[in-house]
Amino acid sequence: MPRRIMFIQLKTGYDTDHGPAWIGWVDFSKTWSTAYFQGRTLRRATGLGLFDANFYDVESGESFWISGPKRDRTDARYGPEVPALEDDAADAYRAFLRGVPLPGREAG
């Protein structure tokens, strides 16, 4: 199962890009259509017409945005929110900010 450090933001119940956000490890299914984060099962929302989201929680229906983190820390597309950094991803993320490739990814 592919595992990546990602930017994750809750969209449901918040104005455009003002929901809580995290930088943390996300496990993906082999087809990348399902993501697992903090005990949640998130399915790709392709074709569902969800505004401003690319995954949804299969239990709660909440929508999420998941993307790779950016070195310039502009992860939230419209809001200034600073994501919470998950403890188990902290060392690899800080190294990424210093220019080291993220685990499992090629440089560039």
PDB file of N, CA and C in Angstrom:
ATOM      1  N   MET A   1       0.849  -1.177   0.000  1.00  0.00           N
ATOM      2  CA  MET A   1       0.000   0.000   0.000  1.00  0.00           C
ATOM      3  C   MET A   1       0.895   1.241   0.000  1.00  0.00           C
ATOM      4  N   PRO A   2       0.755   2.116  -1.007  1.00  0.00           N
ATOM      5  CA  PRO A   2       1.570   3.338  -1.034  1.00  0.00           C
ATOM      6  C   PRO A   2       1.277   4.231   0.169  1.00  0.00           C
ATOM      7  N   ARG A   3       2.327   4.793   0.736  1.00  0.00           N
ATOM      8  CA  ARG A   3       2.210   5.673   1.900  1.00  0.00           C
ATOM      9  C   ARG A   3       2.970   6.954   1.592  1.00  0.00           C
ATOM     10  N   ARG A   4       2.304   8.090   1.771  1.00  0.00           N
ATOM     11  CA  ARG A   4       2.907   9.379   1.445  1.00  0.00           C
ATOM     12  C   ARG A   4       2.594  10.409   2.523  1.00  0.00           C
ATOM     13  N   ILE A   5       3.497  11.344   2.686  1.00  0.00           N
ATOM     14  CA  ILE A   5       3.209  12.511   3.514  1.00  0.00           C
ATOM     15  C   ILE A   5       2.417  13.471   2.643  1.00  0.00           C
ATOM     16  N   MET A   6       1.250  13.891   3.153  1.00  0.00           N
ATOM     17  CA  MET A   6       0.342  14.712   2.367  1.00  0.00           C
ATOM     18  C   MET A   6      -0.202  15.868   3.207  1.00  0.00           C
ATOM     19  N   PHE A   7      -0.763  16.840   2.511  1.00  0.00           N
ATOM     20  CA  PHE A   7      -1.556  17.916   3.106  1.00  0.00           C
ATOM     21  C   PHE A   7      -3.006  17.473   3.029  1.00  0.00           C
ATOM     22  N   ILE A   8      -3.714  17.488   4.161  1.00  0.00           N
ATOM     23  CA  ILE A   8      -5.111  17.054   4.233  1.00  0.00           C
ATOM     24  C   ILE A   8      -5.911  18.186   4.868  1.00  0.00           C
ATOM     25  N   GLN A   9      -7.037  18.554   4.246  1.00  0.00           N
ATOM     26  CA  GLN A   9      -7.869  19.613   4.817  1.00  0.00           C
ATOM     27  C   GLN A   9      -9.327  19.211   4.776  1.00  0.00           C
ATOM     28  N   LEU A  10     -10.008  19.377   5.920  1.00  0.00           N
ATOM     29  CA  LEU A  10     -11.445  19.138   6.014  1.00  0.00           C
ATOM     30  C   LEU A  10     -12.166  20.294   5.357  1.00  0.00           C
ATOM     31  N   LYS A  11     -13.070  20.002   4.439  1.00  0.00           N
ATOM     32  CA  LYS A  11     -13.803  21.030   3.706  1.00  0.00           C
ATOM     33  C   LYS A  11     -15.220  21.228   4.245  1.00  0.00           C
ATOM     34  N   THR A  12     -15.871  20.157   4.644  1.00  0.00           N
ATOM     35  CA  THR A  12     -17.268  20.213   5.073  1.00  0.00           C
ATOM     36  C   THR A  12     -17.425  21.097   6.312  1.00  0.00           C
ATOM     37  N   GLY A  13     -18.387  22.026   6.244  1.00  0.00           N
ATOM     38  CA  GLY A  13     -18.721  22.859   7.391  1.00  0.00           C
ATOM     39  C   GLY A  13     -17.859  24.097   7.554  1.00  0.00           C
ATOM     40  N   TYR A  14     -16.986  24.358   6.601  1.00  0.00           N
ATOM     41  CA  TYR A  14     -16.095  25.510   6.693  1.00  0.00           C
ATOM     42  C   TYR A  14     -16.177  26.310   5.413  1.00  0.00           C
ATOM     43  N   ASP A  15     -16.021  27.624   5.552  1.00  0.00           N
ATOM     44  CA  ASP A  15     -15.975  28.492   4.392  1.00  0.00           C
ATOM     45  C   ASP A  15     -14.764  28.088   3.548  1.00  0.00           C
ATOM     46  N   THR A  16     -14.718  28.529   2.331  1.00  0.00           N
ATOM     47  CA  THR A  16     -13.686  28.124   1.385  1.00  0.00           C
ATOM     48  C   THR A  16     -12.309  28.040   2.032  1.00  0.00           C
ATOM     49  N   ASP A  17     -11.792  26.841   2.116  1.00  0.00           N
ATOM     50  CA  ASP A  17     -10.436  26.556   2.605  1.00  0.00           C
ATOM     51  C   ASP A  17     -10.115  27.126   3.974  1.00  0.00           C
ATOM     52  N   HIS A  18     -11.038  27.061   4.895  1.00  0.00           N
ATOM     53  CA  HIS A  18     -10.780  27.507   6.256  1.00  0.00           C
ATOM     54  C   HIS A  18     -10.962  26.389   7.276  1.00  0.00           C
ATOM     55  N   GLY A  19     -11.080  25.161   6.816  1.00  0.00           N
ATOM     56  CA  GLY A  19     -11.215  24.027   7.723  1.00  0.00           C
ATOM     57  C   GLY A  19      -9.881  23.621   8.307  1.00  0.00           C
ATOM     58  N   PRO A  20      -9.914  22.795   9.353  1.00  0.00           N
ATOM     59  CA  PRO A  20      -8.662  22.326   9.940  1.00  0.00           C
ATOM     60  C   PRO A  20      -7.871  21.516   8.916  1.00  0.00           C
ATOM     61  N   ALA A  21      -6.547  21.583   9.038  1.00  0.00           N
ATOM     62  CA  ALA A  21      -5.672  20.911   8.081  1.00  0.00           C
ATOM     63  C   ALA A  21      -4.517  20.247   8.822  1.00  0.00           C
ATOM     64  N   TRP A  22      -3.952  19.251   8.179  1.00  0.00           N
ATOM     65  CA  TRP A  22      -2.854  18.481   8.747  1.00  0.00           C
ATOM     66  C   TRP A  22      -1.808  18.196   7.672  1.00  0.00           C
ATOM     67  N   ILE A  23      -0.578  17.997   8.108  1.00  0.00           N
ATOM     68  CA  ILE A  23       0.471  17.384   7.306  1.00  0.00           C
ATOM     69  C   ILE A  23       0.728  16.051   8.005  1.00  0.00           C
ATOM     70  N   GLY A  24       0.535  14.958   7.274  1.00  0.00           N
ATOM     71  CA  GLY A  24       0.709  13.653   7.902  1.00  0.00           C
ATOM     72  C   GLY A  24       0.780  12.537   6.880  1.00  0.00           C
ATOM     73  N   TRP A  25       1.019  11.351   7.389  1.00  0.00           N
ATOM     74  CA  TRP A  25       1.080  10.167   6.542  1.00  0.00           C
ATOM     75  C   TRP A  25      -0.317   9.754   6.111  1.00  0.00           C
ATOM     76  N   VAL A  26      -0.467   9.473   4.832  1.00  0.00           N
ATOM     77  CA  VAL A  26      -1.712   8.955   4.267  1.00  0.00           C
ATOM     78  C   VAL A  26      -1.362   7.661   3.544  1.00  0.00           C
ATOM     79  N   ASP A  27      -2.113   6.617   3.838  1.00  0.00           N
ATOM     80  CA  ASP A  27      -1.965   5.351   3.122  1.00  0.00           C
ATOM     81  C   ASP A  27      -2.995   5.318   2.005  1.00  0.00           C
ATOM     82  N   PHE A  28      -2.570   4.884   0.827  1.00  0.00           N
ATOM     83  CA  PHE A  28      -3.458   4.812  -0.327  1.00  0.00           C
ATOM     84  C   PHE A  28      -3.635   3.369  -0.775  1.00  0.00           C
ATOM     85  N   SER A  29      -4.806   3.072  -1.307  1.00  0.00           N
ATOM     86  CA  SER A  29      -5.022   1.758  -1.899  1.00  0.00           C
ATOM     87  C   SER A  29      -4.147   1.620  -3.146  1.00  0.00           C
ATOM     88  N   LYS A  30      -4.031   0.411  -3.629  1.00  0.00           N
ATOM     89  CA  LYS A  30      -3.193   0.159  -4.804  1.00  0.00           C
ATOM     90  C   LYS A  30      -3.640   0.985  -6.002  1.00  0.00           C
ATOM     91  N   THR A  31      -4.929   1.252  -6.117  1.00  0.00           N
ATOM     92  CA  THR A  31      -5.467   2.027  -7.247  1.00  0.00           C
ATOM     93  C   THR A  31      -5.507   3.531  -6.960  1.00  0.00           C
ATOM     94  N   TRP A  32      -5.107   3.957  -5.767  1.00  0.00           N
ATOM     95  CA  TRP A  32      -5.108   5.357  -5.332  1.00  0.00           C
ATOM     96  C   TRP A  32      -6.523   5.933  -5.234  1.00  0.00           C
ATOM     97  N   SER A  33      -7.546   5.099  -5.231  1.00  0.00           N
ATOM     98  CA  SER A  33      -8.928   5.583  -5.145  1.00  0.00           C
ATOM     99  C   SER A  33      -9.419   5.686  -3.706  1.00  0.00           C
ATOM    100  N   THR A  34      -8.675   5.116  -2.757  1.00  0.00           N
ATOM    101  CA  THR A  34      -9.040   5.170  -1.350  1.00  0.00           C
ATOM    102  C   THR A  34      -7.818   5.604  -0.556  1.00  0.00           C
ATOM    103  N   ALA A  35      -8.044   6.506   0.388  1.00  0.00           N
ATOM    104  CA  ALA A  35      -6.988   6.997   1.266  1.00  0.00           C
ATOM    105  C   ALA A  35      -7.387   6.710   2.707  1.00  0.00           C
ATOM    106  N   TYR A  36      -6.405   6.455   3.540  1.00  0.00           N
ATOM    107  CA  TYR A  36      -6.639   6.163   4.948  1.00  0.00           C
ATOM    108  C   TYR A  36      -5.834   7.151   5.778  1.00  0.00           C
ATOM    109  N   PHE A  37      -6.549   7.903   6.636  1.00  0.00           N
ATOM    110  CA  PHE A  37      -5.907   8.938   7.444  1.00  0.00           C
ATOM    111  C   PHE A  37      -6.641   9.074   8.765  1.00  0.00           C
ATOM    112  N   GLN A  38      -5.908   9.023   9.866  1.00  0.00           N
ATOM    113  CA  GLN A  38      -6.463   9.170  11.222  1.00  0.00           C
ATOM    114  C   GLN A  38      -7.677   8.273  11.450  1.00  0.00           C
ATOM    115  N   GLY A  39      -7.598   7.035  10.988  1.00  0.00           N
ATOM    116  CA  GLY A  39      -8.684   6.082  11.185  1.00  0.00           C
ATOM    117  C   GLY A  39      -9.865   6.267  10.245  1.00  0.00           C
ATOM    118  N   ARG A  40      -9.781   7.200   9.348  1.00  0.00           N
ATOM    119  CA  ARG A  40     -10.850   7.447   8.380  1.00  0.00           C
ATOM    120  C   ARG A  40     -10.558   6.732   7.072  1.00  0.00           C
ATOM    121  N   THR A  41     -11.609   6.314   6.409  1.00  0.00           N
ATOM    122  CA  THR A  41     -11.508   5.780   5.054  1.00  0.00           C
ATOM    123  C   THR A  41     -12.076   6.834   4.128  1.00  0.00           C
ATOM    124  N   LEU A  42     -11.226   7.360   3.257  1.00  0.00           N
ATOM    125  CA  LEU A  42     -11.605   8.442   2.356  1.00  0.00           C
ATOM    126  C   LEU A  42     -11.575   7.926   0.926  1.00  0.00           C
ATOM    127  N   ARG A  43     -12.668   8.118   0.207  1.00  0.00           N
ATOM    128  CA  ARG A  43     -12.746   7.681  -1.195  1.00  0.00           C
ATOM    129  C   ARG A  43     -12.618   8.872  -2.121  1.00  0.00           C
ATOM    130  N   ARG A  44     -12.025   8.619  -3.259  1.00  0.00           N
ATOM    131  CA  ARG A  44     -11.871   9.670  -4.268  1.00  0.00           C
ATOM    132  C   ARG A  44     -13.262  10.108  -4.717  1.00  0.00           C
ATOM    133  N   ALA A  45     -13.476  11.400  -4.816  1.00  0.00           N
ATOM    134  CA  ALA A  45     -14.798  11.967  -5.104  1.00  0.00           C
ATOM    135  C   ALA A  45     -15.013  12.229  -6.585  1.00  0.00           C
ATOM    136  N   THR A  46     -14.235  11.627  -7.438  1.00  0.00           N
ATOM    137  CA  THR A  46     -14.339  11.839  -8.877  1.00  0.00           C
ATOM    138  C   THR A  46     -15.765  11.624  -9.364  1.00  0.00           C
ATOM    139  N   GLY A  47     -16.294  12.608 -10.084  1.00  0.00           N
ATOM    140  CA  GLY A  47     -17.613  12.480 -10.684  1.00  0.00           C
ATOM    141  C   GLY A  47     -18.782  12.699  -9.741  1.00  0.00           C
ATOM    142  N   LEU A  48     -18.522  13.023  -8.466  1.00  0.00           N
ATOM    143  CA  LEU A  48     -19.621  13.219  -7.519  1.00  0.00           C
ATOM    144  C   LEU A  48     -20.073  14.674  -7.443  1.00  0.00           C
ATOM    145  N   GLY A  49     -19.361  15.569  -8.083  1.00  0.00           N
ATOM    146  CA  GLY A  49     -19.753  16.976  -8.082  1.00  0.00           C
ATOM    147  C   GLY A  49     -19.539  17.677  -6.758  1.00  0.00           C
ATOM    148  N   LEU A  50     -18.655  17.155  -5.905  1.00  0.00           N
ATOM    149  CA  LEU A  50     -18.379  17.830  -4.642  1.00  0.00           C
ATOM    150  C   LEU A  50     -17.578  19.093  -4.925  1.00  0.00           C
ATOM    151  N   PHE A  51     -18.052  20.205  -4.408  1.00  0.00           N
ATOM    152  CA  PHE A  51     -17.374  21.475  -4.620  1.00  0.00           C
ATOM    153  C   PHE A  51     -16.087  21.510  -3.816  1.00  0.00           C
ATOM    154  N   ASP A  52     -14.982  21.753  -4.482  1.00  0.00           N
ATOM    155  CA  ASP A  52     -13.710  22.023  -3.829  1.00  0.00           C
ATOM    156  C   ASP A  52     -13.202  20.870  -2.951  1.00  0.00           C
ATOM    157  N   ALA A  53     -13.475  19.631  -3.327  1.00  0.00           N
ATOM    158  CA  ALA A  53     -12.983  18.479  -2.573  1.00  0.00           C
ATOM    159  C   ALA A  53     -12.612  17.372  -3.541  1.00  0.00           C
ATOM    160  N   ASN A  54     -11.664  16.547  -3.126  1.00  0.00           N
ATOM    161  CA  ASN A  54     -11.298  15.430  -3.990  1.00  0.00           C
ATOM    162  C   ASN A  54     -11.435  14.079  -3.303  1.00  0.00           C
ATOM    163  N   PHE A  55     -11.787  14.059  -2.012  1.00  0.00           N
ATOM    164  CA  PHE A  55     -12.053  12.823  -1.282  1.00  0.00           C
ATOM    165  C   PHE A  55     -13.225  13.063  -0.335  1.00  0.00           C
ATOM    166  N   TYR A  56     -13.912  11.999   0.042  1.00  0.00           N
ATOM    167  CA  TYR A  56     -14.975  12.093   1.040  1.00  0.00           C
ATOM    168  C   TYR A  56     -14.855  10.923   1.999  1.00  0.00           C
ATOM    169  N   ASP A  57     -15.261  11.138   3.236  1.00  0.00           N
ATOM    170  CA  ASP A  57     -15.240  10.111   4.274  1.00  0.00           C
ATOM    171  C   ASP A  57     -16.421   9.166   4.042  1.00  0.00           C
ATOM    172  N   VAL A  58     -16.150   7.870   3.927  1.00  0.00           N
ATOM    173  CA  VAL A  58     -17.218   6.917   3.614  1.00  0.00           C
ATOM    174  C   VAL A  58     -18.232   6.778   4.744  1.00  0.00           C
ATOM    175  N   GLU A  59     -17.844   7.076   5.984  1.00  0.00           N
ATOM    176  CA  GLU A  59     -18.785   6.983   7.105  1.00  0.00           C
ATOM    177  C   GLU A  59     -19.570   8.265   7.324  1.00  0.00           C
ATOM    178  N   SER A  60     -18.879   9.396   7.391  1.00  0.00           N
ATOM    179  CA  SER A  60     -19.540  10.654   7.746  1.00  0.00           C
ATOM    180  C   SER A  60     -20.017  11.447   6.531  1.00  0.00           C
ATOM    181  N   GLY A  61     -19.436  11.170   5.345  1.00  0.00           N
ATOM    182  CA  GLY A  61     -19.761  11.951   4.156  1.00  0.00           C
ATOM    183  C   GLY A  61     -19.007  13.266   4.065  1.00  0.00           C
ATOM    184  N   GLU A  62     -18.191  13.597   5.076  1.00  0.00           N
ATOM    185  CA  GLU A  62     -17.434  14.842   5.051  1.00  0.00           C
ATOM    186  C   GLU A  62     -16.469  14.839   3.868  1.00  0.00           C
ATOM    187  N   SER A  63     -16.252  16.015   3.300  1.00  0.00           N
ATOM    188  CA  SER A  63     -15.355  16.125   2.155  1.00  0.00           C
ATOM    189  C   SER A  63     -13.999  16.669   2.588  1.00  0.00           C
ATOM    190  N   PHE A  64     -12.961  16.242   1.859  1.00  0.00           N
ATOM    191  CA  PHE A  64     -11.579  16.583   2.172  1.00  0.00           C
ATOM    192  C   PHE A  64     -10.826  16.945   0.900  1.00  0.00           C
ATOM    193  N   TRP A  65      -9.795  17.753   1.069  1.00  0.00           N
ATOM    194  CA  TRP A  65      -8.828  18.010   0.016  1.00  0.00           C
ATOM    195  C   TRP A  65      -7.522  17.356   0.456  1.00  0.00           C
ATOM    196  N   ILE A  66      -6.941  16.531  -0.410  1.00  0.00           N
ATOM    197  CA  ILE A  66      -5.651  15.893  -0.133  1.00  0.00           C
ATOM    198  C   ILE A  66      -4.717  16.218  -1.289  1.00  0.00           C
ATOM    199  N   SER A  67      -3.537  16.725  -0.948  1.00  0.00           N
ATOM    200  CA  SER A  67      -2.542  17.011  -1.984  1.00  0.00           C
ATOM    201  C   SER A  67      -1.150  16.907  -1.374  1.00  0.00           C
ATOM    202  N   GLY A  68      -0.162  16.874  -2.241  1.00  0.00           N
ATOM    203  CA  GLY A  68       1.208  16.854  -1.760  1.00  0.00           C
ATOM    204  C   GLY A  68       1.556  18.174  -1.102  1.00  0.00           C
ATOM    205  N   PRO A  69       2.404  18.148  -0.070  1.00  0.00           N
ATOM    206  CA  PRO A  69       2.789  19.397   0.593  1.00  0.00           C
ATOM    207  C   PRO A  69       3.698  20.235  -0.302  1.00  0.00           C
ATOM    208  N   LYS A  70       3.700  21.533  -0.041  1.00  0.00           N
ATOM    209  CA  LYS A  70       4.521  22.468  -0.813  1.00  0.00           C
ATOM    210  C   LYS A  70       5.627  23.026   0.078  1.00  0.00           C
ATOM    211  N   ARG A  71       6.796  23.162  -0.481  1.00  0.00           N
ATOM    212  CA  ARG A  71       7.925  23.678   0.300  1.00  0.00           C
ATOM    213  C   ARG A  71       7.710  25.124   0.746  1.00  0.00           C
ATOM    214  N   ASP A  72       6.945  25.880  -0.025  1.00  0.00           N
ATOM    215  CA  ASP A  72       6.723  27.281   0.362  1.00  0.00           C
ATOM    216  C   ASP A  72       5.576  27.418   1.362  1.00  0.00           C
ATOM    217  N   ARG A  73       5.027  26.274   1.787  1.00  0.00           N
ATOM    218  CA  ARG A  73       3.967  26.192   2.807  1.00  0.00           C
ATOM    219  C   ARG A  73       2.670  26.879   2.400  1.00  0.00           C
ATOM    220  N   THR A  74       2.410  26.994   1.106  1.00  0.00           N
ATOM    221  CA  THR A  74       1.153  27.560   0.618  1.00  0.00           C
ATOM    222  C   THR A  74       0.172  26.427   0.321  1.00  0.00           C
ATOM    223  N   ASP A  75       0.044  25.494   1.228  1.00  0.00           N
ATOM    224  CA  ASP A  75      -0.782  24.317   1.006  1.00  0.00           C
ATOM    225  C   ASP A  75      -2.270  24.642   0.944  1.00  0.00           C
ATOM    226  N   ALA A  76      -2.766  25.491   1.841  1.00  0.00           N
ATOM    227  CA  ALA A  76      -4.168  25.899   1.808  1.00  0.00           C
ATOM    228  C   ALA A  76      -4.332  26.829   0.617  1.00  0.00           C
ATOM    229  N   ARG A  77      -5.192  26.468  -0.298  1.00  0.00           N
ATOM    230  CA  ARG A  77      -5.269  27.178  -1.572  1.00  0.00           C
ATOM    231  C   ARG A  77      -5.755  28.616  -1.459  1.00  0.00           C
ATOM    232  N   TYR A  78      -6.683  28.902  -0.554  1.00  0.00           N
ATOM    233  CA  TYR A  78      -7.214  30.253  -0.452  1.00  0.00           C
ATOM    234  C   TYR A  78      -7.088  30.834   0.947  1.00  0.00           C
ATOM    235  N   GLY A  79      -6.788  30.035   1.910  1.00  0.00           N
ATOM    236  CA  GLY A  79      -6.748  30.504   3.282  1.00  0.00           C
ATOM    237  C   GLY A  79      -5.350  30.461   3.856  1.00  0.00           C
ATOM    238  N   PRO A  80      -5.114  31.235   4.893  1.00  0.00           N
ATOM    239  CA  PRO A  80      -3.788  31.294   5.504  1.00  0.00           C
ATOM    240  C   PRO A  80      -3.578  30.236   6.589  1.00  0.00           C
ATOM    241  N   GLU A  81      -4.478  29.276   6.721  1.00  0.00           N
ATOM    242  CA  GLU A  81      -4.406  28.310   7.803  1.00  0.00           C
ATOM    243  C   GLU A  81      -3.089  27.528   7.771  1.00  0.00           C
ATOM    244  N   VAL A  82      -2.523  27.347   8.939  1.00  0.00           N
ATOM    245  CA  VAL A  82      -1.302  26.564   9.082  1.00  0.00           C
ATOM    246  C   VAL A  82      -1.724  25.150   9.493  1.00  0.00           C
ATOM    247  N   PRO A  83      -1.304  24.142   8.735  1.00  0.00           N
ATOM    248  CA  PRO A  83      -1.711  22.784   9.078  1.00  0.00           C
ATOM    249  C   PRO A  83      -1.012  22.273  10.334  1.00  0.00           C
ATOM    250  N   ALA A  84      -1.711  21.429  11.083  1.00  0.00           N
ATOM    251  CA  ALA A  84      -1.101  20.742  12.223  1.00  0.00           C
ATOM    252  C   ALA A  84      -0.146  19.694  11.665  1.00  0.00           C
ATOM    253  N   LEU A  85       1.005  19.579  12.260  1.00  0.00           N
ATOM    254  CA  LEU A  85       2.001  18.611  11.811  1.00  0.00           C
ATOM    255  C   LEU A  85       1.899  17.370  12.684  1.00  0.00           C
ATOM    256  N   GLU A  86       1.560  16.245  12.063  1.00  0.00           N
ATOM    257  CA  GLU A  86       1.464  14.982  12.786  1.00  0.00           C
ATOM    258  C   GLU A  86       2.859  14.581  13.276  1.00  0.00           C
ATOM    259  N   ASP A  87       2.958  14.112  14.523  1.00  0.00           N
ATOM    260  CA  ASP A  87       4.249  13.784  15.121  1.00  0.00           C
ATOM    261  C   ASP A  87       5.061  12.796  14.297  1.00  0.00           C
ATOM    262  N   ASP A  88       4.411  11.755  13.768  1.00  0.00           N
ATOM    263  CA  ASP A  88       5.158  10.718  13.056  1.00  0.00           C
ATOM    264  C   ASP A  88       5.651  11.159  11.678  1.00  0.00           C
ATOM    265  N   ALA A  89       5.186  12.295  11.196  1.00  0.00           N
ATOM    266  CA  ALA A  89       5.630  12.821   9.901  1.00  0.00           C
ATOM    267  C   ALA A  89       6.577  14.005  10.049  1.00  0.00           C
ATOM    268  N   ALA A  90       6.790  14.470  11.279  1.00  0.00           N
ATOM    269  CA  ALA A  90       7.514  15.721  11.513  1.00  0.00           C
ATOM    270  C   ALA A  90       8.937  15.711  10.963  1.00  0.00           C
ATOM    271  N   ASP A  91       9.720  14.690  11.243  1.00  0.00           N
ATOM    272  CA  ASP A  91      11.123  14.680  10.796  1.00  0.00           C
ATOM    273  C   ASP A  91      11.225  14.689   9.279  1.00  0.00           C
ATOM    274  N   ALA A  92      10.460  13.827   8.609  1.00  0.00           N
ATOM    275  CA  ALA A  92      10.512  13.757   7.139  1.00  0.00           C
ATOM    276  C   ALA A  92       9.994  15.050   6.517  1.00  0.00           C
ATOM    277  N   TYR A  93       8.960  15.655   7.103  1.00  0.00           N
ATOM    278  CA  TYR A  93       8.420  16.899   6.560  1.00  0.00           C
ATOM    279  C   TYR A  93       9.427  18.047   6.720  1.00  0.00           C
ATOM    280  N   ARG A  94      10.045  18.146   7.882  1.00  0.00           N
ATOM    281  CA  ARG A  94      11.037  19.209   8.094  1.00  0.00           C
ATOM    282  C   ARG A  94      12.230  19.045   7.151  1.00  0.00           C
ATOM    283  N   ALA A  95      12.639  17.807   6.906  1.00  0.00           N
ATOM    284  CA  ALA A  95      13.714  17.553   5.944  1.00  0.00           C
ATOM    285  C   ALA A  95      13.274  17.979   4.538  1.00  0.00           C
ATOM    286  N   PHE A  96      12.017  17.702   4.194  1.00  0.00           N
ATOM    287  CA  PHE A  96      11.456  18.119   2.905  1.00  0.00           C
ATOM    288  C   PHE A  96      11.520  19.641   2.755  1.00  0.00           C
ATOM    289  N   LEU A  97      11.175  20.366   3.819  1.00  0.00           N
ATOM    290  CA  LEU A  97      11.228  21.827   3.768  1.00  0.00           C
ATOM    291  C   LEU A  97      12.648  22.333   3.542  1.00  0.00           C
ATOM    292  N   ARG A  98      13.641  21.544   3.962  1.00  0.00           N
ATOM    293  CA  ARG A  98      15.050  21.909   3.750  1.00  0.00           C
ATOM    294  C   ARG A  98      15.567  21.460   2.389  1.00  0.00           C
ATOM    295  N   GLY A  99      14.731  20.792   1.581  1.00  0.00           N
ATOM    296  CA  GLY A  99      15.136  20.420   0.239  1.00  0.00           C
ATOM    297  C   GLY A  99      15.287  18.936  -0.027  1.00  0.00           C
ATOM    298  N   VAL A 100      15.138  18.097   0.989  1.00  0.00           N
ATOM    299  CA  VAL A 100      15.235  16.652   0.810  1.00  0.00           C
ATOM    300  C   VAL A 100      13.937  16.144   0.182  1.00  0.00           C
ATOM    301  N   PRO A 101      14.001  15.215  -0.771  1.00  0.00           N
ATOM    302  CA  PRO A 101      12.762  14.664  -1.337  1.00  0.00           C
ATOM    303  C   PRO A 101      11.939  13.946  -0.260  1.00  0.00           C
ATOM    304  N   LEU A 102      10.633  13.973  -0.422  1.00  0.00           N
ATOM    305  CA  LEU A 102       9.771  13.230   0.485  1.00  0.00           C
ATOM    306  C   LEU A 102      10.023  11.732   0.310  1.00  0.00           C
ATOM    307  N   PRO A 103       9.857  10.945   1.364  1.00  0.00           N
ATOM    308  CA  PRO A 103      10.027   9.502   1.236  1.00  0.00           C
ATOM    309  C   PRO A 103       9.107   8.939   0.138  1.00  0.00           C
ATOM    310  N   GLY A 104       9.662   8.091  -0.710  1.00  0.00           N
ATOM    311  CA  GLY A 104       8.870   7.454  -1.752  1.00  0.00           C
ATOM    312  C   GLY A 104       8.692   8.285  -3.003  1.00  0.00           C
ATOM    313  N   ARG A 105       9.336   9.430  -3.085  1.00  0.00           N
ATOM    314  CA  ARG A 105       9.199  10.309  -4.257  1.00  0.00           C
ATOM    315  C   ARG A 105      10.566  10.651  -4.803  1.00  0.00           C
ATOM    316  N   GLU A 106      10.611  10.843  -6.086  1.00  0.00           N
ATOM    317  CA  GLU A 106      11.845  11.264  -6.749  1.00  0.00           C
ATOM    318  C   GLU A 106      12.023  12.767  -6.558  1.00  0.00           C
ATOM    319  N   ALA A 107      13.234  13.228  -6.588  1.00  0.00           N
ATOM    320  CA  ALA A 107      13.494  14.666  -6.519  1.00  0.00           C
ATOM    321  C   ALA A 107      12.986  15.346  -7.779  1.00  0.00           C
ATOM    322  N   GLY A 108      12.573  16.603  -7.638  1.00  0.00           N
ATOM    323  CA  GLY A 108      12.165  17.385  -8.806  1.00  0.00           C
ATOM    324  C   GLY A 108      10.753  17.576  -8.829  1.00  0.00           C
TER     325      GLY A 108
END
